[in-house]
Amino acid sequence: MKGNATSWAVLGTGAVVTAVGRLVGGSLGAGITGFGLAHMALGILDQFRPSVRR
């Protein structure tokens, strides 16, 4: 798993958004947490995607 700067940025942003969602709490916090977790999943998946260089 090598990853580039964009993958790490998406993963880090997702972690921050997830933490904010946990702090907010309630129904709104659950939605924010899910949004952050989705960003984390996409950042991790992007790290495994092969890059095409021409």
N, C-alpha and C. Protein backbone atom coordinates (compact mmCIF):
# COMPACT_ATOMS: atom_id res chain seq x y z
N MET A 1 0.86 -1.17 0.00
CA MET A 1 0.00 0.00 0.00
C MET A 1 0.90 1.23 0.00
N LYS A 2 0.98 1.87 -1.15
CA LYS A 2 1.86 3.02 -1.26
C LYS A 2 1.09 4.31 -1.05
N GLY A 3 0.09 4.58 -1.85
CA GLY A 3 -0.72 5.78 -1.68
C GLY A 3 0.00 7.04 -2.10
N ASN A 4 -0.76 8.01 -2.53
CA ASN A 4 -0.17 9.29 -2.88
C ASN A 4 -0.73 10.36 -1.94
N ALA A 5 -0.36 11.58 -2.18
CA ALA A 5 -0.75 12.66 -1.27
C ALA A 5 -2.26 12.86 -1.24
N THR A 6 -2.92 12.68 -2.38
CA THR A 6 -4.37 12.85 -2.42
C THR A 6 -5.08 11.80 -1.57
N SER A 7 -4.62 10.57 -1.66
CA SER A 7 -5.22 9.50 -0.86
C SER A 7 -5.09 9.79 0.63
N TRP A 8 -3.91 10.23 1.02
CA TRP A 8 -3.68 10.54 2.44
C TRP A 8 -4.49 11.74 2.88
N ALA A 9 -4.68 12.71 1.99
CA ALA A 9 -5.47 13.89 2.33
C ALA A 9 -6.93 13.52 2.53
N VAL A 10 -7.47 12.66 1.66
CA VAL A 10 -8.86 12.22 1.80
C VAL A 10 -9.02 11.41 3.08
N LEU A 11 -8.07 10.55 3.37
CA LEU A 11 -8.11 9.74 4.58
C LEU A 11 -8.04 10.62 5.83
N GLY A 12 -7.15 11.59 5.84
CA GLY A 12 -7.02 12.49 6.99
C GLY A 12 -8.26 13.36 7.18
N THR A 13 -8.80 13.87 6.07
CA THR A 13 -10.03 14.67 6.15
C THR A 13 -11.18 13.83 6.71
N GLY A 14 -11.26 12.59 6.27
CA GLY A 14 -12.30 11.70 6.78
C GLY A 14 -12.15 11.45 8.27
N ALA A 15 -10.92 11.34 8.73
CA ALA A 15 -10.70 11.12 10.16
C ALA A 15 -11.13 12.34 10.98
N VAL A 16 -10.82 13.52 10.47
CA VAL A 16 -11.22 14.75 11.17
C VAL A 16 -12.74 14.89 11.18
N VAL A 17 -13.38 14.65 10.05
CA VAL A 17 -14.85 14.76 9.97
C VAL A 17 -15.51 13.72 10.87
N THR A 18 -14.94 12.52 10.94
CA THR A 18 -15.49 11.49 11.82
C THR A 18 -15.40 11.92 13.28
N ALA A 19 -14.27 12.50 13.67
CA ALA A 19 -14.11 12.96 15.05
C ALA A 19 -15.09 14.08 15.37
N VAL A 20 -15.30 15.00 14.43
CA VAL A 20 -16.26 16.08 14.65
C VAL A 20 -17.66 15.51 14.79
N GLY A 21 -18.00 14.53 13.98
CA GLY A 21 -19.32 13.90 14.07
C GLY A 21 -19.54 13.22 15.40
N ARG A 22 -18.50 12.61 15.92
CA ARG A 22 -18.62 11.96 17.23
C ARG A 22 -18.80 12.99 18.33
N LEU A 23 -18.18 14.15 18.19
CA LEU A 23 -18.32 15.21 19.19
C LEU A 23 -19.71 15.85 19.16
N VAL A 24 -20.29 15.98 17.96
CA VAL A 24 -21.60 16.60 17.82
C VAL A 24 -22.68 15.72 18.48
N GLY A 25 -22.63 14.43 18.20
CA GLY A 25 -23.58 13.50 18.79
C GLY A 25 -24.97 13.63 18.18
N GLY A 26 -25.86 12.77 18.60
CA GLY A 26 -27.23 12.80 18.12
C GLY A 26 -27.36 12.33 16.68
N SER A 27 -28.50 12.64 16.09
CA SER A 27 -28.79 12.23 14.73
C SER A 27 -27.88 12.94 13.72
N LEU A 28 -27.67 14.21 13.92
CA LEU A 28 -26.79 14.96 13.02
C LEU A 28 -25.36 14.44 13.12
N GLY A 29 -24.92 14.16 14.31
CA GLY A 29 -23.57 13.63 14.50
C GLY A 29 -23.39 12.27 13.85
N ALA A 30 -24.43 11.46 13.85
CA ALA A 30 -24.36 10.15 13.20
C ALA A 30 -24.19 10.32 11.69
N GLY A 31 -24.88 11.28 11.12
CA GLY A 31 -24.73 11.54 9.69
C GLY A 31 -23.35 12.06 9.34
N ILE A 32 -22.83 12.96 10.17
CA ILE A 32 -21.49 13.50 9.94
C ILE A 32 -20.45 12.40 10.09
N THR A 33 -20.64 11.54 11.08
CA THR A 33 -19.71 10.43 11.30
C THR A 33 -19.71 9.48 10.10
N GLY A 34 -20.88 9.17 9.58
CA GLY A 34 -20.97 8.30 8.41
C GLY A 34 -20.31 8.91 7.19
N PHE A 35 -20.48 10.22 7.03
CA PHE A 35 -19.83 10.93 5.92
C PHE A 35 -18.32 10.84 6.05
N GLY A 36 -17.80 11.01 7.26
CA GLY A 36 -16.36 10.91 7.48
C GLY A 36 -15.84 9.50 7.27
N LEU A 37 -16.60 8.51 7.73
CA LEU A 37 -16.18 7.11 7.53
C LEU A 37 -16.16 6.74 6.06
N ALA A 38 -17.11 7.29 5.30
CA ALA A 38 -17.12 7.03 3.85
C ALA A 38 -15.87 7.62 3.20
N HIS A 39 -15.46 8.81 3.63
CA HIS A 39 -14.24 9.41 3.09
C HIS A 39 -13.02 8.57 3.46
N MET A 40 -13.00 8.05 4.67
CA MET A 40 -11.87 7.21 5.07
C MET A 40 -11.81 5.95 4.21
N ALA A 41 -12.97 5.33 3.97
CA ALA A 41 -13.00 4.12 3.14
C ALA A 41 -12.53 4.43 1.72
N LEU A 42 -12.97 5.56 1.16
CA LEU A 42 -12.54 5.92 -0.19
C LEU A 42 -11.05 6.24 -0.24
N GLY A 43 -10.51 6.86 0.80
CA GLY A 43 -9.07 7.13 0.84
C GLY A 43 -8.25 5.86 0.89
N ILE A 44 -8.72 4.88 1.65
CA ILE A 44 -8.01 3.60 1.74
C ILE A 44 -8.09 2.86 0.41
N LEU A 45 -9.28 2.82 -0.18
CA LEU A 45 -9.43 2.14 -1.47
C LEU A 45 -8.60 2.81 -2.56
N ASP A 46 -8.49 4.11 -2.51
CA ASP A 46 -7.70 4.83 -3.51
C ASP A 46 -6.22 4.49 -3.41
N GLN A 47 -5.76 4.13 -2.25
CA GLN A 47 -4.36 3.76 -2.09
C GLN A 47 -4.04 2.43 -2.77
N PHE A 48 -5.03 1.57 -2.89
CA PHE A 48 -4.81 0.27 -3.52
C PHE A 48 -5.02 0.31 -5.03
N ARG A 49 -5.57 1.39 -5.55
CA ARG A 49 -5.84 1.51 -6.98
C ARG A 49 -4.52 1.68 -7.73
N PRO A 50 -4.32 0.91 -8.80
CA PRO A 50 -3.07 1.06 -9.54
C PRO A 50 -3.07 2.38 -10.31
N SER A 51 -1.94 3.03 -10.35
CA SER A 51 -1.83 4.28 -11.09
C SER A 51 -1.40 3.97 -12.51
N VAL A 52 -1.91 4.76 -13.44
CA VAL A 52 -1.57 4.59 -14.84
C VAL A 52 -0.68 5.74 -15.24
N ARG A 53 0.53 5.43 -15.64
CA ARG A 53 1.49 6.46 -16.05
C ARG A 53 1.83 6.22 -17.51
N ARG A 54 1.78 7.31 -18.27
CA ARG A 54 2.07 7.18 -19.71
C ARG A 54 3.34 7.89 -20.05
